[in-house]
Amino acid sequence: MTSKQKVFKYLGIVGNVLFYLLLLVLLLFSISNLSIQNERDLPNIFGKGFVSILSGSMDGENQDNFPTGSLVFIDILNNDQKDSLEPGQIVVFFDTVQKIHIIHRIKTIEGDLVVTQGDVNANTFGHYNGENINANMQLEINHKDQIIGKYTGHFTGVGTFIQEVRSPNGFLLWIVLPLLLLFGFEVVVFVRFLLQRNKSKLEAKHEAEKEKLRLEIQKEMEANQKK
């Protein structure tokens, strides 16, 4: 195998890996979006969802704080799990006024009402405890039924990219275009493989015919010598 053939072989392997990884990403992306029935829903697979963070309201020093641009993972909650929510946990809900998902920390639970507050606001103007409210506190009051999911972890800096990929232009740029390029590369590699295989077959056939002709000539020469 020549060095050029080795290069194409390794490029083919890398191309295959990237191609199938992108196909896997596309498949997971498609499956997760099948769960979205309305603007309130979040993409998820088997109850494991994610949300891109567009504000810094939960920035801070705690392990479960996350800055703008993070990708936060959540567990989609059923009714029984919503009844088990506790203050201190971070939950996500849909704000019907702003038409966005908000993910803040639970401060109090009063019956079926869940009161949440962003950590930045709490650290600046005070942590709400059910009694110490002031005009600067930005609190959200939701019925338990409005809670969508609970925070389980996050990746810093990934959310912005995921948000872009979820847009029509981002999907075309980061998923469809690379798939088309890799598919084109796969076609080139496959065509080269077919040409190389056909060339090898032709060379083998040519060698076989040469050997057959040589044996016939040798046999004829031996027959002439016997005469």
C-alpha atoms as a PDB file:
ATOM      1  CA  MET A   1       0.000   0.000   0.000  1.00  0.00           C
ATOM      2  CA  THR A   2       1.431   3.355  -1.062  1.00  0.00           C
ATOM      3  CA  SER A   3       1.604   6.356   1.259  1.00  0.00           C
ATOM      4  CA  LYS A   4      -1.155   8.031  -0.759  1.00  0.00           C
ATOM      5  CA  GLN A   5      -3.415   5.020  -0.307  1.00  0.00           C
ATOM      6  CA  LYS A   6      -2.675   4.996   3.437  1.00  0.00           C
ATOM      7  CA  VAL A   7      -3.657   8.667   3.691  1.00  0.00           C
ATOM      8  CA  PHE A   8      -6.987   7.987   1.954  1.00  0.00           C
ATOM      9  CA  LYS A   9      -7.546   4.944   4.155  1.00  0.00           C
ATOM     10  CA  TYR A  10      -7.049   6.955   7.357  1.00  0.00           C
ATOM     11  CA  LEU A  11      -9.138   9.840   5.999  1.00  0.00           C
ATOM     12  CA  GLY A  12     -11.868   7.349   5.203  1.00  0.00           C
ATOM     13  CA  ILE A  13     -11.838   6.020   8.772  1.00  0.00           C
ATOM     14  CA  VAL A  14     -11.966   9.545  10.244  1.00  0.00           C
ATOM     15  CA  GLY A  15     -14.725  10.503   7.813  1.00  0.00           C
ATOM     16  CA  ASN A  16     -16.766   7.452   8.787  1.00  0.00           C
ATOM     17  CA  VAL A  17     -16.443   8.226  12.498  1.00  0.00           C
ATOM     18  CA  LEU A  18     -17.460  11.877  12.020  1.00  0.00           C
ATOM     19  CA  PHE A  19     -20.281  10.949   9.659  1.00  0.00           C
ATOM     20  CA  TYR A  20     -21.871   8.481  12.071  1.00  0.00           C
ATOM     21  CA  LEU A  21     -21.328  10.774  15.046  1.00  0.00           C
ATOM     22  CA  LEU A  22     -23.196  13.538  13.251  1.00  0.00           C
ATOM     23  CA  LEU A  23     -25.924  11.073  12.311  1.00  0.00           C
ATOM     24  CA  LEU A  24     -26.187  10.109  15.984  1.00  0.00           C
ATOM     25  CA  VAL A  25     -26.400  13.774  17.018  1.00  0.00           C
ATOM     26  CA  LEU A  26     -29.060  14.376  14.365  1.00  0.00           C
ATOM     27  CA  LEU A  27     -31.021  11.337  15.557  1.00  0.00           C
ATOM     28  CA  LEU A  28     -30.867  12.376  19.235  1.00  0.00           C
ATOM     29  CA  PHE A  29     -31.735  15.960  18.309  1.00  0.00           C
ATOM     30  CA  SER A  30     -34.748  14.786  16.295  1.00  0.00           C
ATOM     31  CA  ILE A  31     -35.957  12.402  19.006  1.00  0.00           C
ATOM     32  CA  SER A  32     -35.630  15.055  21.723  1.00  0.00           C
ATOM     33  CA  ASN A  33     -37.655  17.537  19.690  1.00  0.00           C
ATOM     34  CA  LEU A  34     -40.468  15.032  19.152  1.00  0.00           C
ATOM     35  CA  SER A  35     -41.369  15.640  22.807  1.00  0.00           C
ATOM     36  CA  ILE A  36     -42.174  19.299  22.096  1.00  0.00           C
ATOM     37  CA  GLN A  37     -45.926  19.703  21.678  1.00  0.00           C
ATOM     38  CA  ASN A  38     -46.177  23.401  22.550  1.00  0.00           C
ATOM     39  CA  GLU A  39     -44.025  26.370  23.561  1.00  0.00           C
ATOM     40  CA  ARG A  40     -44.036  25.250  27.199  1.00  0.00           C
ATOM     41  CA  ASP A  41     -42.351  21.906  26.531  1.00  0.00           C
ATOM     42  CA  LEU A  42     -38.621  21.284  26.599  1.00  0.00           C
ATOM     43  CA  PRO A  43     -36.688  18.858  24.365  1.00  0.00           C
ATOM     44  CA  ASN A  44     -36.051  15.610  26.231  1.00  0.00           C
ATOM     45  CA  ILE A  45     -35.326  11.923  25.768  1.00  0.00           C
ATOM     46  CA  PHE A  46     -36.988   9.523  28.210  1.00  0.00           C
ATOM     47  CA  GLY A  47     -37.565  12.331  30.706  1.00  0.00           C
ATOM     48  CA  LYS A  48     -34.017  13.696  30.527  1.00  0.00           C
ATOM     49  CA  GLY A  49     -34.100  17.204  29.110  1.00  0.00           C
ATOM     50  CA  PHE A  50     -31.961  20.284  28.695  1.00  0.00           C
ATOM     51  CA  VAL A  51     -32.338  24.041  28.576  1.00  0.00           C
ATOM     52  CA  SER A  52     -29.969  26.740  27.310  1.00  0.00           C
ATOM     53  CA  ILE A  53     -29.292  29.556  29.788  1.00  0.00           C
ATOM     54  CA  LEU A  54     -29.848  33.000  28.288  1.00  0.00           C
ATOM     55  CA  SER A  55     -29.377  35.137  31.426  1.00  0.00           C
ATOM     56  CA  GLY A  56     -27.026  35.352  34.396  1.00  0.00           C
ATOM     57  CA  SER A  57     -29.673  35.192  37.123  1.00  0.00           C
ATOM     58  CA  MET A  58     -28.233  31.946  38.540  1.00  0.00           C
ATOM     59  CA  ASP A  59     -24.576  32.926  38.401  1.00  0.00           C
ATOM     60  CA  GLY A  60     -22.589  32.448  41.590  1.00  0.00           C
ATOM     61  CA  GLU A  61     -20.037  30.425  43.527  1.00  0.00           C
ATOM     62  CA  ASN A  62     -22.173  27.427  44.491  1.00  0.00           C
ATOM     63  CA  GLN A  63     -21.630  24.101  42.737  1.00  0.00           C
ATOM     64  CA  ASP A  64     -25.097  24.268  41.233  1.00  0.00           C
ATOM     65  CA  ASN A  65     -24.736  27.852  39.976  1.00  0.00           C
ATOM     66  CA  PHE A  66     -24.339  28.389  36.245  1.00  0.00           C
ATOM     67  CA  PRO A  67     -23.509  31.433  34.102  1.00  0.00           C
ATOM     68  CA  THR A  68     -25.050  32.677  30.880  1.00  0.00           C
ATOM     69  CA  GLY A  69     -24.437  30.316  27.975  1.00  0.00           C
ATOM     70  CA  SER A  70     -24.535  27.129  30.053  1.00  0.00           C
ATOM     71  CA  LEU A  71     -26.436  24.020  29.066  1.00  0.00           C
ATOM     72  CA  VAL A  72     -28.473  22.827  32.049  1.00  0.00           C
ATOM     73  CA  PHE A  73     -29.718  19.251  32.336  1.00  0.00           C
ATOM     74  CA  ILE A  74     -33.066  18.595  33.948  1.00  0.00           C
ATOM     75  CA  ASP A  75     -35.328  15.726  34.923  1.00  0.00           C
ATOM     76  CA  ILE A  76     -38.866  16.161  33.623  1.00  0.00           C
ATOM     77  CA  LEU A  77     -41.130  15.749  36.660  1.00  0.00           C
ATOM     78  CA  ASN A  78     -44.416  13.900  36.982  1.00  0.00           C
ATOM     79  CA  ASN A  79     -47.074  14.901  39.520  1.00  0.00           C
ATOM     80  CA  ASP A  80     -45.719  12.653  42.288  1.00  0.00           C
ATOM     81  CA  GLN A  81     -42.226  14.054  41.847  1.00  0.00           C
ATOM     82  CA  LYS A  82     -43.570  17.607  41.939  1.00  0.00           C
ATOM     83  CA  ASP A  83     -45.127  16.849  45.317  1.00  0.00           C
ATOM     84  CA  SER A  84     -41.655  15.882  46.574  1.00  0.00           C
ATOM     85  CA  LEU A  85     -40.028  19.218  45.675  1.00  0.00           C
ATOM     86  CA  GLU A  86     -38.165  21.018  48.469  1.00  0.00           C
ATOM     87  CA  PRO A  87     -36.788  24.533  49.061  1.00  0.00           C
ATOM     88  CA  GLY A  88     -33.236  24.879  47.778  1.00  0.00           C
ATOM     89  CA  GLN A  89     -33.824  22.818  44.660  1.00  0.00           C
ATOM     90  CA  ILE A  90     -33.570  24.454  41.255  1.00  0.00           C
ATOM     91  CA  VAL A  91     -36.569  24.077  38.953  1.00  0.00           C
ATOM     92  CA  VAL A  92     -37.582  25.211  35.489  1.00  0.00           C
ATOM     93  CA  PHE A  93     -40.957  26.608  34.469  1.00  0.00           C
ATOM     94  CA  PHE A  94     -42.407  28.499  31.532  1.00  0.00           C
ATOM     95  CA  ASP A  95     -43.122  32.204  31.947  1.00  0.00           C
ATOM     96  CA  THR A  96     -46.338  32.850  30.003  1.00  0.00           C
ATOM     97  CA  VAL A  97     -45.719  36.614  29.956  1.00  0.00           C
ATOM     98  CA  GLN A  98     -42.129  36.668  28.684  1.00  0.00           C
ATOM     99  CA  LYS A  99     -42.660  33.438  26.698  1.00  0.00           C
ATOM    100  CA  ILE A 100     -39.390  31.959  27.960  1.00  0.00           C
ATOM    101  CA  HIS A 101     -38.286  29.172  30.270  1.00  0.00           C
ATOM    102  CA  ILE A 102     -36.969  30.340  33.630  1.00  0.00           C
ATOM    103  CA  ILE A 103     -34.806  28.205  35.901  1.00  0.00           C
ATOM    104  CA  HIS A 104     -34.539  29.479  39.483  1.00  0.00           C
ATOM    105  CA  ARG A 105     -34.155  28.157  43.015  1.00  0.00           C
ATOM    106  CA  ILE A 106     -37.134  27.268  45.185  1.00  0.00           C
ATOM    107  CA  LYS A 107     -37.313  29.530  48.242  1.00  0.00           C
ATOM    108  CA  THR A 108     -40.576  28.384  49.801  1.00  0.00           C
ATOM    109  CA  ILE A 109     -43.434  26.005  49.076  1.00  0.00           C
ATOM    110  CA  GLU A 110     -46.762  27.167  50.421  1.00  0.00           C
ATOM    111  CA  GLY A 111     -49.388  24.515  49.758  1.00  0.00           C
ATOM    112  CA  ASP A 112     -49.438  24.016  45.988  1.00  0.00           C
ATOM    113  CA  LEU A 113     -47.627  27.306  45.348  1.00  0.00           C
ATOM    114  CA  VAL A 114     -43.901  27.284  44.638  1.00  0.00           C
ATOM    115  CA  VAL A 115     -41.991  30.532  45.159  1.00  0.00           C
ATOM    116  CA  THR A 116     -38.682  30.850  43.303  1.00  0.00           C
ATOM    117  CA  GLN A 117     -35.929  33.442  43.166  1.00  0.00           C
ATOM    118  CA  GLY A 118     -32.761  33.816  41.122  1.00  0.00           C
ATOM    119  CA  ASP A 119     -29.547  33.475  43.129  1.00  0.00           C
ATOM    120  CA  VAL A 120     -28.093  36.786  41.900  1.00  0.00           C
ATOM    121  CA  ASN A 121     -31.188  38.668  43.025  1.00  0.00           C
ATOM    122  CA  ALA A 122     -31.206  36.763  46.331  1.00  0.00           C
ATOM    123  CA  ASN A 123     -27.532  37.497  47.022  1.00  0.00           C
ATOM    124  CA  THR A 124     -28.067  41.178  46.213  1.00  0.00           C
ATOM    125  CA  PHE A 125     -31.407  41.973  47.846  1.00  0.00           C
ATOM    126  CA  GLY A 126     -31.921  39.150  50.300  1.00  0.00           C
ATOM    127  CA  HIS A 127     -33.020  35.542  50.298  1.00  0.00           C
ATOM    128  CA  TYR A 128     -36.779  35.276  50.530  1.00  0.00           C
ATOM    129  CA  ASN A 129     -37.923  33.056  53.414  1.00  0.00           C
ATOM    130  CA  GLY A 130     -41.660  33.572  53.259  1.00  0.00           C
ATOM    131  CA  GLU A 131     -41.780  36.687  55.448  1.00  0.00           C
ATOM    132  CA  ASN A 132     -38.975  39.105  54.562  1.00  0.00           C
ATOM    133  CA  ILE A 133     -40.188  40.291  51.155  1.00  0.00           C
ATOM    134  CA  ASN A 134     -39.045  43.675  49.858  1.00  0.00           C
ATOM    135  CA  ALA A 135     -39.662  45.654  46.672  1.00  0.00           C
ATOM    136  CA  ASN A 136     -36.308  44.685  45.112  1.00  0.00           C
ATOM    137  CA  MET A 137     -36.853  40.939  45.364  1.00  0.00           C
ATOM    138  CA  GLN A 138     -37.783  39.358  42.045  1.00  0.00           C
ATOM    139  CA  LEU A 139     -39.948  36.410  43.002  1.00  0.00           C
ATOM    140  CA  GLU A 140     -41.929  34.020  40.835  1.00  0.00           C
ATOM    141  CA  ILE A 141     -45.001  32.254  42.153  1.00  0.00           C
ATOM    142  CA  ASN A 142     -46.119  29.156  40.289  1.00  0.00           C
ATOM    143  CA  HIS A 143     -48.531  26.343  40.967  1.00  0.00           C
ATOM    144  CA  LYS A 144     -46.780  22.963  41.215  1.00  0.00           C
ATOM    145  CA  ASP A 145     -48.458  21.935  37.979  1.00  0.00           C
ATOM    146  CA  GLN A 146     -46.510  24.674  36.165  1.00  0.00           C
ATOM    147  CA  ILE A 147     -43.143  23.263  37.205  1.00  0.00           C
ATOM    148  CA  ILE A 148     -41.600  21.353  34.282  1.00  0.00           C
ATOM    149  CA  GLY A 149     -38.405  19.882  35.618  1.00  0.00           C
ATOM    150  CA  LYS A 150     -35.627  19.882  38.207  1.00  0.00           C
ATOM    151  CA  TYR A 151     -31.946  20.771  37.760  1.00  0.00           C
ATOM    152  CA  THR A 152     -29.513  17.824  37.721  1.00  0.00           C
ATOM    153  CA  GLY A 153     -26.300  19.324  36.305  1.00  0.00           C
ATOM    154  CA  HIS A 154     -24.819  21.623  33.694  1.00  0.00           C
ATOM    155  CA  PHE A 155     -22.049  22.246  31.172  1.00  0.00           C
ATOM    156  CA  THR A 156     -20.648  25.756  31.070  1.00  0.00           C
ATOM    157  CA  GLY A 157     -20.475  27.427  27.647  1.00  0.00           C
ATOM    158  CA  VAL A 158     -22.354  24.751  25.688  1.00  0.00           C
ATOM    159  CA  GLY A 159     -25.831  26.257  25.880  1.00  0.00           C
ATOM    160  CA  THR A 160     -25.135  29.089  23.438  1.00  0.00           C
ATOM    161  CA  PHE A 161     -24.013  26.629  20.797  1.00  0.00           C
ATOM    162  CA  ILE A 162     -27.013  24.329  21.384  1.00  0.00           C
ATOM    163  CA  GLN A 163     -29.352  27.310  21.142  1.00  0.00           C
ATOM    164  CA  GLU A 164     -27.778  28.240  17.822  1.00  0.00           C
ATOM    165  CA  VAL A 165     -28.014  24.670  16.523  1.00  0.00           C
ATOM    166  CA  ARG A 166     -31.727  24.609  17.391  1.00  0.00           C
ATOM    167  CA  SER A 167     -32.335  27.624  15.137  1.00  0.00           C
ATOM    168  CA  PRO A 168     -33.110  26.937  11.434  1.00  0.00           C
ATOM    169  CA  ASN A 169     -29.924  28.606  10.168  1.00  0.00           C
ATOM    170  CA  GLY A 170     -27.760  27.010  12.865  1.00  0.00           C
ATOM    171  CA  PHE A 171     -29.198  23.580  12.120  1.00  0.00           C
ATOM    172  CA  LEU A 172     -28.332  23.984   8.436  1.00  0.00           C
ATOM    173  CA  LEU A 173     -24.839  25.309   9.211  1.00  0.00           C
ATOM    174  CA  TRP A 174     -23.771  22.896  11.967  1.00  0.00           C
ATOM    175  CA  ILE A 175     -25.675  19.703  11.117  1.00  0.00           C
ATOM    176  CA  VAL A 176     -26.948  19.562   7.537  1.00  0.00           C
ATOM    177  CA  LEU A 177     -23.922  21.150   5.812  1.00  0.00           C
ATOM    178  CA  PRO A 178     -21.295  18.966   7.582  1.00  0.00           C
ATOM    179  CA  LEU A 179     -23.417  15.886   6.846  1.00  0.00           C
ATOM    180  CA  LEU A 180     -23.553  16.803   3.156  1.00  0.00           C
ATOM    181  CA  LEU A 181     -19.788  17.425   3.049  1.00  0.00           C
ATOM    182  CA  LEU A 182     -19.020  14.155   4.816  1.00  0.00           C
ATOM    183  CA  PHE A 183     -21.490  12.323   2.594  1.00  0.00           C
ATOM    184  CA  GLY A 184     -19.744  13.757  -0.462  1.00  0.00           C
ATOM    185  CA  PHE A 185     -16.387  12.661   0.948  1.00  0.00           C
ATOM    186  CA  GLU A 186     -17.797   9.181   1.625  1.00  0.00           C
ATOM    187  CA  VAL A 187     -18.969   8.997  -2.007  1.00  0.00           C
ATOM    188  CA  VAL A 188     -15.491   9.965  -3.248  1.00  0.00           C
ATOM    189  CA  VAL A 189     -13.852   7.339  -1.023  1.00  0.00           C
ATOM    190  CA  PHE A 190     -16.346   4.689  -2.134  1.00  0.00           C
ATOM    191  CA  VAL A 191     -15.830   5.496  -5.826  1.00  0.00           C
ATOM    192  CA  ARG A 192     -12.060   5.347  -5.375  1.00  0.00           C
ATOM    193  CA  PHE A 193     -12.476   1.991  -3.645  1.00  0.00           C
ATOM    194  CA  LEU A 194     -14.559   0.633  -6.520  1.00  0.00           C
ATOM    195  CA  LEU A 195     -12.070   1.916  -9.097  1.00  0.00           C
ATOM    196  CA  GLN A 196      -9.159   0.425  -7.174  1.00  0.00           C
ATOM    197  CA  ARG A 197     -10.961  -2.907  -6.830  1.00  0.00           C
ATOM    198  CA  ASN A 198     -11.821  -2.987 -10.532  1.00  0.00           C
ATOM    199  CA  LYS A 199      -8.232  -2.073 -11.382  1.00  0.00           C
ATOM    200  CA  SER A 200      -6.957  -4.914  -9.187  1.00  0.00           C
ATOM    201  CA  LYS A 201      -9.390  -7.335 -10.820  1.00  0.00           C
ATOM    202  CA  LEU A 202      -8.325  -6.229 -14.304  1.00  0.00           C
ATOM    203  CA  GLU A 203      -4.644  -6.532 -13.382  1.00  0.00           C
ATOM    204  CA  ALA A 204      -5.230  -9.992 -11.929  1.00  0.00           C
ATOM    205  CA  LYS A 205      -7.172 -11.029 -15.019  1.00  0.00           C
ATOM    206  CA  HIS A 206      -4.451  -9.641 -17.259  1.00  0.00           C
ATOM    207  CA  GLU A 207      -1.772 -11.524 -15.316  1.00  0.00           C
ATOM    208  CA  ALA A 208      -3.820 -14.723 -15.503  1.00  0.00           C
ATOM    209  CA  GLU A 209      -4.204 -14.355 -19.275  1.00  0.00           C
ATOM    210  CA  LYS A 210      -0.471 -13.675 -19.634  1.00  0.00           C
ATOM    211  CA  GLU A 211       0.317 -16.775 -17.584  1.00  0.00           C
ATOM    212  CA  LYS A 212      -2.124 -18.838 -19.632  1.00  0.00           C
ATOM    213  CA  LEU A 213      -0.586 -17.588 -22.861  1.00  0.00           C
ATOM    214  CA  ARG A 214       2.916 -18.284 -21.531  1.00  0.00           C
ATOM    215  CA  LEU A 215       1.965 -21.839 -20.629  1.00  0.00           C
ATOM    216  CA  GLU A 216       0.398 -22.394 -24.057  1.00  0.00           C
ATOM    217  CA  ILE A 217       3.535 -21.110 -25.797  1.00  0.00           C
ATOM    218  CA  GLN A 218       5.734 -23.228 -23.548  1.00  0.00           C
ATOM    219  CA  LYS A 219       3.594 -26.271 -24.227  1.00  0.00           C
ATOM    220  CA  GLU A 220       3.716 -25.644 -27.953  1.00  0.00           C
ATOM    221  CA  MET A 221       7.505 -25.193 -27.870  1.00  0.00           C
ATOM    222  CA  GLU A 222       7.904 -28.450 -25.944  1.00  0.00           C
ATOM    223  CA  ALA A 223       5.705 -30.213 -28.480  1.00  0.00           C
ATOM    224  CA  ASN A 224       7.811 -28.859 -31.375  1.00  0.00           C
ATOM    225  CA  GLN A 225      11.008 -29.995 -29.686  1.00  0.00           C
ATOM    226  CA  LYS A 226       9.696 -33.542 -29.377  1.00  0.00           C
ATOM    227  CA  LYS A 227       9.106 -33.625 -33.125  1.00  0.00           C
END
